[in-house]
Amino acid sequence: MRIINIINNDLVIQKQKLEEELERVLNLTDTNTEDKLKQALELINKLSMVTASFATWELYQSKEKEN
């Protein structure tokens, strides 16, 4: 089904965007440590949510294949 591929791709893209943004924030030189820390932690939280969503989605797919 196309929707399954769309969901997979969307989760992968979200994860890649967040990883890129986190890398960018960590490499900033003109931002103080407190702001960098706040931004990095927010991105890590979002990345954790996307990673958990992806794991849940993969689990759902494997259960559906069994049925």
Protein backbone atom coordinates (compact mmCIF):
# COMPACT_ATOMS: atom_id res chain seq x y z
CA MET A 1 0.00 0.00 0.00
CA ARG A 2 1.18 3.45 -0.82
CA ILE A 3 0.06 4.90 2.52
CA ILE A 4 2.48 2.60 4.34
CA ASN A 5 5.36 3.89 2.22
CA ILE A 6 4.23 7.47 2.76
CA ILE A 7 4.17 7.00 6.54
CA ASN A 8 7.59 5.31 6.50
CA ASN A 9 9.07 8.09 4.39
CA ASP A 10 7.54 10.83 6.49
CA LEU A 11 8.96 9.40 9.72
CA VAL A 12 12.40 8.99 8.15
CA ILE A 13 12.35 12.55 6.82
CA GLN A 14 11.24 13.96 10.17
CA LYS A 15 14.09 12.11 11.89
CA GLN A 16 16.67 13.30 9.37
CA LYS A 17 15.50 16.91 9.65
CA LEU A 18 15.71 16.82 13.43
CA GLU A 19 19.17 15.23 13.34
CA GLU A 20 20.37 17.90 10.92
CA GLU A 21 18.91 20.67 13.07
CA LEU A 22 20.50 19.20 16.20
CA GLU A 23 23.88 19.06 14.47
CA ARG A 24 23.46 22.66 13.36
CA VAL A 25 22.60 23.81 16.89
CA LEU A 26 25.53 21.93 18.41
CA ASN A 27 27.92 23.57 15.94
CA LEU A 28 26.71 27.12 16.56
CA THR A 29 29.50 29.41 17.70
CA ASP A 30 27.54 32.63 18.21
CA THR A 31 25.05 31.22 20.76
CA ASN A 32 25.60 31.09 24.49
CA THR A 33 25.72 27.74 26.24
CA GLU A 34 22.35 28.10 27.97
CA ASP A 35 20.49 28.81 24.71
CA LYS A 36 22.34 26.04 22.91
CA LEU A 37 21.49 23.62 25.71
CA LYS A 38 17.80 24.57 25.64
CA GLN A 39 17.58 24.20 21.85
CA ALA A 40 19.49 20.92 21.85
CA LEU A 41 17.30 19.38 24.56
CA GLU A 42 14.13 20.41 22.75
CA LEU A 43 15.40 18.78 19.56
CA ILE A 44 16.47 15.65 21.40
CA ASN A 45 12.98 15.34 22.90
CA LYS A 46 11.40 15.70 19.46
CA LEU A 47 13.88 13.22 18.01
CA SER A 48 13.03 10.74 20.77
CA MET A 49 9.34 11.05 19.97
CA VAL A 50 9.91 10.44 16.26
CA THR A 51 12.20 7.50 17.01
CA ALA A 52 9.58 5.98 19.32
CA SER A 53 6.89 6.57 16.71
CA PHE A 54 8.99 4.84 14.08
CA ALA A 55 9.58 1.84 16.37
CA THR A 56 5.85 1.64 17.14
CA TRP A 57 5.02 1.86 13.44
CA GLU A 58 7.47 -0.93 12.58
CA LEU A 59 5.99 -3.11 15.34
CA TYR A 60 2.50 -2.46 14.00
CA GLN A 61 3.60 -3.40 10.48
CA SER A 62 5.18 -6.66 11.61
CA LYS A 63 2.02 -7.61 13.52
CA GLU A 64 -0.12 -6.83 10.48
CA LYS A 65 2.08 -9.06 8.30
CA GLU A 66 1.52 -11.93 10.72
CA ASN A 67 -2.26 -11.58 10.43
